[in-house]
């Protein structure tokens, strides 16, 4: 999936009535929605990791940047989950 396709999906989400509801979500609920969205985006690949790998290998700088952003989010989210489990 190219960055333009992802941007189009985001634009459709932002235009939907559901998007305005995201503003009222807690950080935990918002993170959950992001993870669900990432999983939906990755449905065209065998895994989220495969999608990120394909984005990393893309010749387009925007795809590579998106891969880095997704990896950063996942890393932070996993750390939060481990921290919650340790409490």
PDB file of N, CA and C in Angstrom:
ATOM      1  N   UNK A   1       0.862  -1.171   0.000  1.00  0.00           N
ATOM      2  CA  UNK A   1       0.000   0.000   0.000  1.00  0.00           C
ATOM      3  C   UNK A   1       0.907   1.234   0.000  1.00  0.00           C
ATOM      4  N   UNK A   2       0.613   2.151  -0.813  1.00  0.00           N
ATOM      5  CA  UNK A   2       1.407   3.362  -0.914  1.00  0.00           C
ATOM      6  C   UNK A   2       0.856   4.446   0.010  1.00  0.00           C
ATOM      7  N   UNK A   3       1.680   5.427   0.244  1.00  0.00           N
ATOM      8  CA  UNK A   3       1.326   6.502   1.164  1.00  0.00           C
ATOM      9  C   UNK A   3       0.057   7.221   0.731  1.00  0.00           C
ATOM     10  N   UNK A   4      -0.137   7.377  -0.576  1.00  0.00           N
ATOM     11  CA  UNK A   4      -1.339   8.059  -1.066  1.00  0.00           C
ATOM     12  C   UNK A   4      -2.599   7.282  -0.695  1.00  0.00           C
ATOM     13  N   UNK A   5      -2.520   5.948  -0.761  1.00  0.00           N
ATOM     14  CA  UNK A   5      -3.671   5.122  -0.391  1.00  0.00           C
ATOM     15  C   UNK A   5      -3.956   5.247   1.103  1.00  0.00           C
ATOM     16  N   UNK A   6      -2.892   5.261   1.907  1.00  0.00           N
ATOM     17  CA  UNK A   6      -3.050   5.413   3.354  1.00  0.00           C
ATOM     18  C   UNK A   6      -3.631   6.783   3.674  1.00  0.00           C
ATOM     19  N   UNK A   7      -3.121   7.819   3.014  1.00  0.00           N
ATOM     20  CA  UNK A   7      -3.648   9.164   3.231  1.00  0.00           C
ATOM     21  C   UNK A   7      -5.118   9.242   2.845  1.00  0.00           C
ATOM     22  N   UNK A   8      -5.507   8.561   1.772  1.00  0.00           N
ATOM     23  CA  UNK A   8      -6.911   8.551   1.349  1.00  0.00           C
ATOM     24  C   UNK A   8      -7.779   7.871   2.405  1.00  0.00           C
ATOM     25  N   UNK A   9      -7.277   6.776   2.982  1.00  0.00           N
ATOM     26  CA  UNK A   9      -8.028   6.091   4.034  1.00  0.00           C
ATOM     27  C   UNK A   9      -8.178   6.987   5.261  1.00  0.00           C
ATOM     28  N   UNK A  10      -7.115   7.682   5.605  1.00  0.00           N
ATOM     29  CA  UNK A  10      -7.170   8.598   6.752  1.00  0.00           C
ATOM     30  C   UNK A  10      -8.161   9.720   6.482  1.00  0.00           C
ATOM     31  N   UNK A  11      -8.148  10.258   5.270  1.00  0.00           N
ATOM     32  CA  UNK A  11      -9.092  11.322   4.909  1.00  0.00           C
ATOM     33  C   UNK A  11     -10.532  10.836   5.028  1.00  0.00           C
ATOM     34  N   UNK A  12     -10.783   9.589   4.593  1.00  0.00           N
ATOM     35  CA  UNK A  12     -12.140   9.036   4.718  1.00  0.00           C
ATOM     36  C   UNK A  12     -12.524   8.881   6.184  1.00  0.00           C
ATOM     37  N   UNK A  13     -11.578   8.441   7.003  1.00  0.00           N
ATOM     38  CA  UNK A  13     -11.856   8.311   8.436  1.00  0.00           C
ATOM     39  C   UNK A  13     -12.156   9.674   9.060  1.00  0.00           C
ATOM     40  N   UNK A  14     -11.348  10.659   8.699  1.00  0.00           N
ATOM     41  CA  UNK A  14     -11.557  11.997   9.251  1.00  0.00           C
ATOM     42  C   UNK A  14     -12.892  12.584   8.824  1.00  0.00           C
ATOM     43  N   UNK A  15     -13.366  12.233   7.640  1.00  0.00           N
ATOM     44  CA  UNK A  15     -14.635  12.760   7.131  1.00  0.00           C
ATOM     45  C   UNK A  15     -15.836  12.034   7.734  1.00  0.00           C
ATOM     46  N   UNK A  16     -15.603  10.882   8.327  1.00  0.00           N
ATOM     47  CA  UNK A  16     -16.725  10.109   8.866  1.00  0.00           C
ATOM     48  C   UNK A  16     -17.193  10.687  10.199  1.00  0.00           C
ATOM     49  N   UNK A  17     -18.468  10.506  10.528  1.00  0.00           N
ATOM     50  CA  UNK A  17     -18.977  10.982  11.819  1.00  0.00           C
ATOM     51  C   UNK A  17     -18.259  10.322  12.991  1.00  0.00           C
ATOM     52  N   UNK A  18     -17.765   9.130  12.790  1.00  0.00           N
ATOM     53  CA  UNK A  18     -17.071   8.411  13.851  1.00  0.00           C
ATOM     54  C   UNK A  18     -15.791   9.128  14.266  1.00  0.00           C
ATOM     55  N   UNK A  19     -15.157   9.828  13.342  1.00  0.00           N
ATOM     56  CA  UNK A  19     -13.884  10.484  13.635  1.00  0.00           C
ATOM     57  C   UNK A  19     -14.027  11.498  14.760  1.00  0.00           C
ATOM     58  N   UNK A  20     -15.081  12.265  14.744  1.00  0.00           N
ATOM     59  CA  UNK A  20     -15.242  13.275  15.791  1.00  0.00           C
ATOM     60  C   UNK A  20     -15.342  12.639  17.167  1.00  0.00           C
ATOM     61  N   UNK A  21     -15.801  11.404  17.221  1.00  0.00           N
ATOM     62  CA  UNK A  21     -15.869  10.687  18.481  1.00  0.00           C
ATOM     63  C   UNK A  21     -14.495  10.342  19.032  1.00  0.00           C
ATOM     64  N   UNK A  22     -13.500  10.274  18.165  1.00  0.00           N
ATOM     65  CA  UNK A  22     -12.155   9.958  18.617  1.00  0.00           C
ATOM     66  C   UNK A  22     -11.606  11.026  19.552  1.00  0.00           C
ATOM     67  N   UNK A  23     -12.042  12.245  19.377  1.00  0.00           N
ATOM     68  CA  UNK A  23     -11.548  13.350  20.205  1.00  0.00           C
ATOM     69  C   UNK A  23     -11.936  13.169  21.675  1.00  0.00           C
ATOM     70  N   UNK A  24     -12.980  12.401  21.923  1.00  0.00           N
ATOM     71  CA  UNK A  24     -13.451  12.204  23.298  1.00  0.00           C
ATOM     72  C   UNK A  24     -12.847  10.965  23.956  1.00  0.00           C
ATOM     73  N   UNK A  25     -12.028  10.216  23.231  1.00  0.00           N
ATOM     74  CA  UNK A  25     -11.468   8.987  23.783  1.00  0.00           C
ATOM     75  C   UNK A  25     -10.319   9.266  24.740  1.00  0.00           C
ATOM     76  N   UNK A  26     -10.163   8.375  25.708  1.00  0.00           N
ATOM     77  CA  UNK A  26      -9.002   8.453  26.585  1.00  0.00           C
ATOM     78  C   UNK A  26      -7.780   8.004  25.791  1.00  0.00           C
ATOM     79  N   UNK A  27      -6.612   8.222  26.345  1.00  0.00           N
ATOM     80  CA  UNK A  27      -5.383   7.790  25.661  1.00  0.00           C
ATOM     81  C   UNK A  27      -5.384   6.282  25.438  1.00  0.00           C
ATOM     82  N   UNK A  28      -5.851   5.534  26.417  1.00  0.00           N
ATOM     83  CA  UNK A  28      -5.899   4.075  26.300  1.00  0.00           C
ATOM     84  C   UNK A  28      -6.851   3.665  25.175  1.00  0.00           C
ATOM     85  N   UNK A  29      -8.033   4.287  25.150  1.00  0.00           N
ATOM     86  CA  UNK A  29      -9.002   3.964  24.104  1.00  0.00           C
ATOM     87  C   UNK A  29      -8.492   4.383  22.731  1.00  0.00           C
ATOM     88  N   UNK A  30      -7.827   5.517  22.671  1.00  0.00           N
ATOM     89  CA  UNK A  30      -7.282   6.002  21.406  1.00  0.00           C
ATOM     90  C   UNK A  30      -6.188   5.063  20.905  1.00  0.00           C
ATOM     91  N   UNK A  31      -5.304   4.634  21.809  1.00  0.00           N
ATOM     92  CA  UNK A  31      -4.266   3.673  21.423  1.00  0.00           C
ATOM     93  C   UNK A  31      -4.898   2.395  20.886  1.00  0.00           C
ATOM     94  N   UNK A  32      -5.959   1.933  21.530  1.00  0.00           N
ATOM     95  CA  UNK A  32      -6.640   0.723  21.070  1.00  0.00           C
ATOM     96  C   UNK A  32      -7.188   0.913  19.662  1.00  0.00           C
ATOM     97  N   UNK A  33      -7.774   2.072  19.403  1.00  0.00           N
ATOM     98  CA  UNK A  33      -8.309   2.361  18.073  1.00  0.00           C
ATOM     99  C   UNK A  33      -7.187   2.414  17.027  1.00  0.00           C
ATOM    100  N   UNK A  34      -6.058   2.978  17.407  1.00  0.00           N
ATOM    101  CA  UNK A  34      -4.921   3.050  16.491  1.00  0.00           C
ATOM    102  C   UNK A  34      -4.425   1.649  16.164  1.00  0.00           C
ATOM    103  N   UNK A  35      -4.311   0.804  17.171  1.00  0.00           N
ATOM    104  CA  UNK A  35      -3.857  -0.570  16.951  1.00  0.00           C
ATOM    105  C   UNK A  35      -4.839  -1.303  16.044  1.00  0.00           C
ATOM    106  N   UNK A  36      -6.125  -1.129  16.286  1.00  0.00           N
ATOM    107  CA  UNK A  36      -7.129  -1.758  15.420  1.00  0.00           C
ATOM    108  C   UNK A  36      -6.993  -1.253  13.979  1.00  0.00           C
ATOM    109  N   UNK A  37      -6.788   0.051  13.826  1.00  0.00           N
ATOM    110  CA  UNK A  37      -6.612   0.634  12.494  1.00  0.00           C
ATOM    111  C   UNK A  37      -5.365   0.109  11.800  1.00  0.00           C
ATOM    112  N   UNK A  38      -4.273  -0.008  12.543  1.00  0.00           N
ATOM    113  CA  UNK A  38      -3.044  -0.542  11.961  1.00  0.00           C
ATOM    114  C   UNK A  38      -3.244  -1.993  11.524  1.00  0.00           C
ATOM    115  N   UNK A  39      -3.932  -2.759  12.356  1.00  0.00           N
ATOM    116  CA  UNK A  39      -4.199  -4.157  11.986  1.00  0.00           C
ATOM    117  C   UNK A  39      -5.060  -4.230  10.733  1.00  0.00           C
ATOM    118  N   UNK A  40      -6.023  -3.315  10.618  1.00  0.00           N
ATOM    119  CA  UNK A  40      -6.870  -3.291   9.420  1.00  0.00           C
ATOM    120  C   UNK A  40      -6.036  -2.908   8.193  1.00  0.00           C
ATOM    121  N   UNK A  41      -5.162  -1.909   8.347  1.00  0.00           N
ATOM    122  CA  UNK A  41      -4.289  -1.506   7.238  1.00  0.00           C
ATOM    123  C   UNK A  41      -3.401  -2.665   6.814  1.00  0.00           C
ATOM    124  N   UNK A  42      -2.938  -3.447   7.782  1.00  0.00           N
ATOM    125  CA  UNK A  42      -2.006  -4.530   7.502  1.00  0.00           C
ATOM    126  C   UNK A  42      -2.705  -5.785   7.001  1.00  0.00           C
ATOM    127  N   UNK A  43      -4.013  -5.741   6.873  1.00  0.00           N
ATOM    128  CA  UNK A  43      -4.753  -6.943   6.477  1.00  0.00           C
ATOM    129  C   UNK A  43      -4.367  -7.442   5.077  1.00  0.00           C
ATOM    130  N   UNK A  44      -3.766  -6.594   4.277  1.00  0.00           N
ATOM    131  CA  UNK A  44      -3.329  -6.992   2.940  1.00  0.00           C
ATOM    132  C   UNK A  44      -1.987  -7.735   2.973  1.00  0.00           C
ATOM    133  N   UNK A  45      -1.353  -7.772   4.131  1.00  0.00           N
ATOM    134  CA  UNK A  45      -0.070  -8.441   4.312  1.00  0.00           C
ATOM    135  C   UNK A  45      -0.250  -9.588   5.300  1.00  0.00           C
ATOM    136  N   UNK A  46       0.735 -10.496   5.361  1.00  0.00           N
ATOM    137  CA  UNK A  46       0.634 -11.588   6.334  1.00  0.00           C
ATOM    138  C   UNK A  46       0.678 -11.103   7.788  1.00  0.00           C
ATOM    139  N   UNK A  47       1.300  -9.937   8.004  1.00  0.00           N
ATOM    140  CA  UNK A  47       1.411  -9.397   9.365  1.00  0.00           C
ATOM    141  C   UNK A  47       1.699  -7.899   9.301  1.00  0.00           C
ATOM    142  N   UNK A  48       1.593  -7.266  10.454  1.00  0.00           N
ATOM    143  CA  UNK A  48       1.932  -5.847  10.553  1.00  0.00           C
ATOM    144  C   UNK A  48       3.418  -5.656  10.245  1.00  0.00           C
ATOM    145  N   UNK A  49       4.239  -6.575  10.721  1.00  0.00           N
ATOM    146  CA  UNK A  49       5.673  -6.514  10.446  1.00  0.00           C
ATOM    147  C   UNK A  49       5.985  -6.578   8.959  1.00  0.00           C
ATOM    148  N   UNK A  50       5.238  -7.409   8.246  1.00  0.00           N
ATOM    149  CA  UNK A  50       5.435  -7.506   6.792  1.00  0.00           C
ATOM    150  C   UNK A  50       5.067  -6.197   6.103  1.00  0.00           C
ATOM    151  N   UNK A  51       3.993  -5.548   6.576  1.00  0.00           N
ATOM    152  CA  UNK A  51       3.600  -4.268   6.001  1.00  0.00           C
ATOM    153  C   UNK A  51       4.699  -3.226   6.237  1.00  0.00           C
ATOM    154  N   UNK A  52       5.207  -3.179   7.470  1.00  0.00           N
ATOM    155  CA  UNK A  52       6.259  -2.213   7.795  1.00  0.00           C
ATOM    156  C   UNK A  52       7.509  -2.499   6.969  1.00  0.00           C
ATOM    157  N   UNK A  53       7.848  -3.768   6.802  1.00  0.00           N
ATOM    158  CA  UNK A  53       9.014  -4.130   5.986  1.00  0.00           C
ATOM    159  C   UNK A  53       8.845  -3.656   4.547  1.00  0.00           C
ATOM    160  N   UNK A  54       7.648  -3.860   3.990  1.00  0.00           N
ATOM    161  CA  UNK A  54       7.396  -3.399   2.623  1.00  0.00           C
ATOM    162  C   UNK A  54       7.505  -1.877   2.523  1.00  0.00           C
ATOM    163  N   UNK A  55       6.993  -1.180   3.518  1.00  0.00           N
ATOM    164  CA  UNK A  55       7.099   0.282   3.518  1.00  0.00           C
ATOM    165  C   UNK A  55       8.560   0.709   3.611  1.00  0.00           C
ATOM    166  N   UNK A  56       9.326   0.031   4.440  1.00  0.00           N
ATOM    167  CA  UNK A  56      10.758   0.336   4.586  1.00  0.00           C
ATOM    168  C   UNK A  56      11.512   0.134   3.272  1.00  0.00           C
ATOM    169  N   UNK A  57      11.126  -0.878   2.501  1.00  0.00           N
ATOM    170  CA  UNK A  57      11.807  -1.200   1.246  1.00  0.00           C
ATOM    171  C   UNK A  57      11.337  -0.341   0.074  1.00  0.00           C
ATOM    172  N   UNK A  58      10.299   0.426   0.280  1.00  0.00           N
ATOM    173  CA  UNK A  58       9.761   1.267  -0.783  1.00  0.00           C
ATOM    174  C   UNK A  58      10.780   2.334  -1.188  1.00  0.00           C
ATOM    175  N   UNK A  59      10.796   2.697  -2.454  1.00  0.00           N
ATOM    176  CA  UNK A  59      11.692   3.768  -2.882  1.00  0.00           C
ATOM    177  C   UNK A  59      11.173   5.159  -2.485  1.00  0.00           C
ATOM    178  N   UNK A  60       9.943   5.210  -2.011  1.00  0.00           N
ATOM    179  CA  UNK A  60       9.336   6.505  -1.662  1.00  0.00           C
ATOM    180  C   UNK A  60       9.697   6.898  -0.230  1.00  0.00           C
ATOM    181  N   UNK A  61      10.278   8.080  -0.034  1.00  0.00           N
ATOM    182  CA  UNK A  61      10.656   8.528   1.312  1.00  0.00           C
ATOM    183  C   UNK A  61       9.472   8.580   2.281  1.00  0.00           C
ATOM    184  N   UNK A  62       8.301   8.946   1.791  1.00  0.00           N
ATOM    185  CA  UNK A  62       7.131   9.034   2.672  1.00  0.00           C
ATOM    186  C   UNK A  62       6.759   7.659   3.218  1.00  0.00           C
ATOM    187  N   UNK A  63       6.909   6.616   2.408  1.00  0.00           N
ATOM    188  CA  UNK A  63       6.629   5.257   2.877  1.00  0.00           C
ATOM    189  C   UNK A  63       7.616   4.864   3.969  1.00  0.00           C
ATOM    190  N   UNK A  64       8.879   5.200   3.769  1.00  0.00           N
ATOM    191  CA  UNK A  64       9.908   4.883   4.764  1.00  0.00           C
ATOM    192  C   UNK A  64       9.640   5.635   6.069  1.00  0.00           C
ATOM    193  N   UNK A  65       9.211   6.875   5.956  1.00  0.00           N
ATOM    194  CA  UNK A  65       8.895   7.666   7.145  1.00  0.00           C
ATOM    195  C   UNK A  65       7.695   7.067   7.884  1.00  0.00           C
ATOM    196  N   UNK A  66       6.681   6.671   7.132  1.00  0.00           N
ATOM    197  CA  UNK A  66       5.506   6.045   7.738  1.00  0.00           C
ATOM    198  C   UNK A  66       5.896   4.764   8.462  1.00  0.00           C
ATOM    199  N   UNK A  67       6.768   3.970   7.871  1.00  0.00           N
ATOM    200  CA  UNK A  67       7.237   2.740   8.520  1.00  0.00           C
ATOM    201  C   UNK A  67       7.885   3.065   9.860  1.00  0.00           C
ATOM    202  N   UNK A  68       8.702   4.091   9.885  1.00  0.00           N
ATOM    203  CA  UNK A  68       9.348   4.509  11.132  1.00  0.00           C
ATOM    204  C   UNK A  68       8.348   4.974  12.171  1.00  0.00           C
ATOM    205  N   UNK A  69       7.334   5.699  11.737  1.00  0.00           N
ATOM    206  CA  UNK A  69       6.307   6.175  12.667  1.00  0.00           C
ATOM    207  C   UNK A  69       5.512   5.008  13.239  1.00  0.00           C
ATOM    208  N   UNK A  70       5.181   4.043  12.394  1.00  0.00           N
ATOM    209  CA  UNK A  70       4.438   2.872  12.863  1.00  0.00           C
ATOM    210  C   UNK A  70       5.286   2.082  13.852  1.00  0.00           C
ATOM    211  N   UNK A  71       6.560   1.872  13.514  1.00  0.00           N
ATOM    212  CA  UNK A  71       7.454   1.151  14.426  1.00  0.00           C
ATOM    213  C   UNK A  71       7.582   1.879  15.761  1.00  0.00           C
ATOM    214  N   UNK A  72       7.700   3.191  15.712  1.00  0.00           N
ATOM    215  CA  UNK A  72       7.792   3.979  16.942  1.00  0.00           C
ATOM    216  C   UNK A  72       6.544   3.845  17.792  1.00  0.00           C
ATOM    217  N   UNK A  73       5.377   3.923  17.158  1.00  0.00           N
ATOM    218  CA  UNK A  73       4.127   3.779  17.901  1.00  0.00           C
ATOM    219  C   UNK A  73       4.041   2.406  18.544  1.00  0.00           C
ATOM    220  N   UNK A  74       4.336   1.367  17.765  1.00  0.00           N
ATOM    221  CA  UNK A  74       4.245  -0.005  18.272  1.00  0.00           C
ATOM    222  C   UNK A  74       5.211  -0.212  19.438  1.00  0.00           C
ATOM    223  N   UNK A  75       6.422   0.286  19.303  1.00  0.00           N
ATOM    224  CA  UNK A  75       7.412   0.154  20.380  1.00  0.00           C
ATOM    225  C   UNK A  75       6.910   0.832  21.652  1.00  0.00           C
ATOM    226  N   UNK A  76       6.403   2.049  21.534  1.00  0.00           N
ATOM    227  CA  UNK A  76       5.880   2.775  22.697  1.00  0.00           C
ATOM    228  C   UNK A  76       4.675   2.060  23.296  1.00  0.00           C
ATOM    229  N   UNK A  77       3.778   1.583  22.432  1.00  0.00           N
ATOM    230  CA  UNK A  77       2.574   0.913  22.891  1.00  0.00           C
ATOM    231  C   UNK A  77       2.926  -0.374  23.633  1.00  0.00           C
ATOM    232  N   UNK A  78       3.870  -1.146  23.091  1.00  0.00           N
ATOM    233  CA  UNK A  78       4.284  -2.384  23.754  1.00  0.00           C
ATOM    234  C   UNK A  78       4.917  -2.091  25.114  1.00  0.00           C
ATOM    235  N   UNK A  79       5.717  -1.040  25.200  1.00  0.00           N
ATOM    236  CA  UNK A  79       6.325  -0.663  26.473  1.00  0.00           C
ATOM    237  C   UNK A  79       5.248  -0.289  27.489  1.00  0.00           C
ATOM    238  N   UNK A  80       4.229   0.432  27.044  1.00  0.00           N
ATOM    239  CA  UNK A  80       3.124   0.786  27.943  1.00  0.00           C
ATOM    240  C   UNK A  80       2.393  -0.461  28.434  1.00  0.00           C
ATOM    241  N   UNK A  81       2.188  -1.417  27.538  1.00  0.00           N
ATOM    242  CA  UNK A  81       1.501  -2.655  27.922  1.00  0.00           C
ATOM    243  C   UNK A  81       2.309  -3.443  28.941  1.00  0.00           C
ATOM    244  N   UNK A  82       3.632  -3.509  28.750  1.00  0.00           N
ATOM    245  CA  UNK A  82       4.488  -4.205  29.700  1.00  0.00           C
ATOM    246  C   UNK A  82       4.486  -3.501  31.053  1.00  0.00           C
ATOM    247  N   UNK A  83       4.485  -2.165  31.013  1.00  0.00           N
ATOM    248  CA  UNK A  83       4.479  -1.386  32.256  1.00  0.00           C
ATOM    249  C   UNK A  83       3.174  -1.608  33.010  1.00  0.00           C
ATOM    250  N   UNK A  84       2.064  -1.641  32.294  1.00  0.00           N
ATOM    251  CA  UNK A  84       0.765  -1.881  32.936  1.00  0.00           C
ATOM    252  C   UNK A  84       0.716  -3.281  33.546  1.00  0.00           C
ATOM    253  N   UNK A  85       1.260  -4.251  32.830  1.00  0.00           N
ATOM    254  CA  UNK A  85       1.253  -5.627  33.323  1.00  0.00           C
ATOM    255  C   UNK A  85       2.110  -5.783  34.579  1.00  0.00           C
ATOM    256  N   UNK A  86       3.154  -4.972  34.689  1.00  0.00           N
ATOM    257  CA  UNK A  86       4.044  -5.052  35.843  1.00  0.00           C
ATOM    258  C   UNK A  86       3.451  -4.390  37.083  1.00  0.00           C
ATOM    259  N   UNK A  87       2.454  -3.577  36.921  1.00  0.00           N
ATOM    260  CA  UNK A  87       1.874  -2.840  38.057  1.00  0.00           C
ATOM    261  C   UNK A  87       0.973  -3.705  38.888  1.00  0.00           C
TER     262      UNK A  87
END
